[in-house]
């Protein structure tokens, strides 16, 4: 199964990684590793994560960081809508769904 990050989600991923790297050397890489692990689990079990606020959109929580991967499964493709901090503006990504959900 392939994975596609929409542009805003990719920017969030990079921004969060840079933020953590500025705080502690190596922590940005650890964040990216954790997201990679989350994506691997999503690929293996795409429907295991609970739906989040709207039908068909799911959120997989990261183990070590307060982030979630917000995604939808579309015809053997995982579309990532957000790499969302779970304690800040929890539903901000909902407005993206209409623009990128086809």
C-alpha atoms as a PDB file:
ATOM      1  CA  UNK A   1       0.000   0.000   0.000  1.00  0.00           C
ATOM      2  CA  UNK A   2       1.346   3.419  -0.951  1.00  0.00           C
ATOM      3  CA  UNK A   3       1.318   6.505   1.274  1.00  0.00           C
ATOM      4  CA  UNK A   4       0.763  10.085   0.107  1.00  0.00           C
ATOM      5  CA  UNK A   5       1.165  13.088   2.392  1.00  0.00           C
ATOM      6  CA  UNK A   6      -0.793  16.140   1.264  1.00  0.00           C
ATOM      7  CA  UNK A   7       1.391  19.274   1.238  1.00  0.00           C
ATOM      8  CA  UNK A   8       0.177  20.731   4.578  1.00  0.00           C
ATOM      9  CA  UNK A   9       0.792  17.385   6.326  1.00  0.00           C
ATOM     10  CA  UNK A  10       4.300  17.194   4.893  1.00  0.00           C
ATOM     11  CA  UNK A  11       5.009  20.735   6.144  1.00  0.00           C
ATOM     12  CA  UNK A  12       3.752  19.752   9.609  1.00  0.00           C
ATOM     13  CA  UNK A  13       6.002  16.707   9.641  1.00  0.00           C
ATOM     14  CA  UNK A  14       9.068  18.746   8.703  1.00  0.00           C
ATOM     15  CA  UNK A  15       8.178  21.577  11.104  1.00  0.00           C
ATOM     16  CA  UNK A  16       7.697  19.264  14.075  1.00  0.00           C
ATOM     17  CA  UNK A  17      10.939  17.450  13.313  1.00  0.00           C
ATOM     18  CA  UNK A  18      12.841  20.755  13.156  1.00  0.00           C
ATOM     19  CA  UNK A  19      11.222  21.924  16.398  1.00  0.00           C
ATOM     20  CA  UNK A  20      12.324  18.795  18.261  1.00  0.00           C
ATOM     21  CA  UNK A  21      15.795  18.890  16.722  1.00  0.00           C
ATOM     22  CA  UNK A  22      16.302  22.470  17.955  1.00  0.00           C
ATOM     23  CA  UNK A  23      15.350  21.398  21.463  1.00  0.00           C
ATOM     24  CA  UNK A  24      17.622  18.341  21.659  1.00  0.00           C
ATOM     25  CA  UNK A  25      20.067  17.078  19.063  1.00  0.00           C
ATOM     26  CA  UNK A  26      18.767  13.819  17.613  1.00  0.00           C
ATOM     27  CA  UNK A  27      15.201  14.281  18.840  1.00  0.00           C
ATOM     28  CA  UNK A  28      14.010  15.441  15.416  1.00  0.00           C
ATOM     29  CA  UNK A  29      15.284  12.197  13.930  1.00  0.00           C
ATOM     30  CA  UNK A  30      13.598  10.241  16.692  1.00  0.00           C
ATOM     31  CA  UNK A  31      10.333  12.002  15.831  1.00  0.00           C
ATOM     32  CA  UNK A  32      10.691  11.059  12.153  1.00  0.00           C
ATOM     33  CA  UNK A  33      11.463   7.466  13.151  1.00  0.00           C
ATOM     34  CA  UNK A  34       8.312   7.395  15.267  1.00  0.00           C
ATOM     35  CA  UNK A  35       6.206   8.696  12.364  1.00  0.00           C
ATOM     36  CA  UNK A  36       7.801   6.095  10.093  1.00  0.00           C
ATOM     37  CA  UNK A  37       6.910   3.389  12.610  1.00  0.00           C
ATOM     38  CA  UNK A  38       3.338   4.712  12.748  1.00  0.00           C
ATOM     39  CA  UNK A  39       3.078   4.661   8.956  1.00  0.00           C
ATOM     40  CA  UNK A  40       4.364   1.074   8.885  1.00  0.00           C
ATOM     41  CA  UNK A  41       1.635   0.052  11.342  1.00  0.00           C
ATOM     42  CA  UNK A  42      -1.002   1.894   9.324  1.00  0.00           C
ATOM     43  CA  UNK A  43       0.154   0.097   6.166  1.00  0.00           C
ATOM     44  CA  UNK A  44      -0.074  -3.243   7.945  1.00  0.00           C
ATOM     45  CA  UNK A  45      -3.419  -2.550   9.679  1.00  0.00           C
ATOM     46  CA  UNK A  46      -5.035   0.374   7.844  1.00  0.00           C
ATOM     47  CA  UNK A  47      -8.422   0.122   9.562  1.00  0.00           C
ATOM     48  CA  UNK A  48      -7.172  -0.504  13.107  1.00  0.00           C
ATOM     49  CA  UNK A  49      -7.082   3.149  14.184  1.00  0.00           C
ATOM     50  CA  UNK A  50     -10.347   4.728  15.315  1.00  0.00           C
ATOM     51  CA  UNK A  51     -12.260   7.139  13.132  1.00  0.00           C
ATOM     52  CA  UNK A  52     -11.590  10.739  14.144  1.00  0.00           C
ATOM     53  CA  UNK A  53     -14.433  13.276  14.053  1.00  0.00           C
ATOM     54  CA  UNK A  54     -15.619  12.357  10.567  1.00  0.00           C
ATOM     55  CA  UNK A  55     -16.444   9.118   8.793  1.00  0.00           C
ATOM     56  CA  UNK A  56     -13.607   7.394   6.975  1.00  0.00           C
ATOM     57  CA  UNK A  57     -10.844   9.534   8.456  1.00  0.00           C
ATOM     58  CA  UNK A  58      -8.697   7.853  11.086  1.00  0.00           C
ATOM     59  CA  UNK A  59      -6.092   8.966  13.601  1.00  0.00           C
ATOM     60  CA  UNK A  60      -3.140   6.836  14.659  1.00  0.00           C
ATOM     61  CA  UNK A  61      -1.388   8.105  17.783  1.00  0.00           C
ATOM     62  CA  UNK A  62       2.370   8.140  18.067  1.00  0.00           C
ATOM     63  CA  UNK A  63       3.786   6.371  21.105  1.00  0.00           C
ATOM     64  CA  UNK A  64       6.535   8.741  22.208  1.00  0.00           C
ATOM     65  CA  UNK A  65       5.300  12.137  21.019  1.00  0.00           C
ATOM     66  CA  UNK A  66       1.949  13.943  21.479  1.00  0.00           C
ATOM     67  CA  UNK A  67       1.098  13.658  17.781  1.00  0.00           C
ATOM     68  CA  UNK A  68      -1.289  11.699  15.640  1.00  0.00           C
ATOM     69  CA  UNK A  69      -1.261  10.750  11.971  1.00  0.00           C
ATOM     70  CA  UNK A  70      -4.623  11.687  10.449  1.00  0.00           C
ATOM     71  CA  UNK A  71      -5.342   9.639   7.335  1.00  0.00           C
ATOM     72  CA  UNK A  72      -7.860   7.996   5.064  1.00  0.00           C
ATOM     73  CA  UNK A  73      -7.583   4.788   3.067  1.00  0.00           C
ATOM     74  CA  UNK A  74      -8.503   5.275  -0.612  1.00  0.00           C
ATOM     75  CA  UNK A  75      -8.161   2.386  -3.094  1.00  0.00           C
ATOM     76  CA  UNK A  76      -4.921   0.873  -1.806  1.00  0.00           C
ATOM     77  CA  UNK A  77      -3.548   4.352  -0.974  1.00  0.00           C
ATOM     78  CA  UNK A  78      -3.127   5.907   2.448  1.00  0.00           C
ATOM     79  CA  UNK A  79      -3.646   9.662   2.224  1.00  0.00           C
ATOM     80  CA  UNK A  80      -2.202  11.554   5.209  1.00  0.00           C
ATOM     81  CA  UNK A  81      -4.131  14.753   5.917  1.00  0.00           C
ATOM     82  CA  UNK A  82      -2.208  15.879   8.998  1.00  0.00           C
ATOM     83  CA  UNK A  83       0.594  15.126  11.395  1.00  0.00           C
ATOM     84  CA  UNK A  84      -1.306  16.771  14.213  1.00  0.00           C
ATOM     85  CA  UNK A  85      -0.244  17.804  17.700  1.00  0.00           C
ATOM     86  CA  UNK A  86      -2.935  16.252  19.868  1.00  0.00           C
ATOM     87  CA  UNK A  87      -3.052  18.966  22.516  1.00  0.00           C
ATOM     88  CA  UNK A  88      -3.215  22.020  20.259  1.00  0.00           C
ATOM     89  CA  UNK A  89      -6.203  22.869  18.055  1.00  0.00           C
ATOM     90  CA  UNK A  90      -7.373  19.248  17.896  1.00  0.00           C
ATOM     91  CA  UNK A  91      -9.792  19.615  14.949  1.00  0.00           C
ATOM     92  CA  UNK A  92      -7.999  22.200  12.785  1.00  0.00           C
ATOM     93  CA  UNK A  93      -7.346  19.662  10.025  1.00  0.00           C
ATOM     94  CA  UNK A  94     -11.061  19.017   9.405  1.00  0.00           C
ATOM     95  CA  UNK A  95     -11.216  21.882   6.898  1.00  0.00           C
ATOM     96  CA  UNK A  96      -8.556  20.130   4.804  1.00  0.00           C
ATOM     97  CA  UNK A  97     -10.734  17.099   4.281  1.00  0.00           C
ATOM     98  CA  UNK A  98     -13.097  18.803   1.822  1.00  0.00           C
ATOM     99  CA  UNK A  99     -10.289  20.267  -0.253  1.00  0.00           C
ATOM    100  CA  UNK A 100      -8.317  17.043  -0.634  1.00  0.00           C
ATOM    101  CA  UNK A 101     -11.032  14.407  -0.373  1.00  0.00           C
ATOM    102  CA  UNK A 102     -12.310  13.858  -3.732  1.00  0.00           C
END
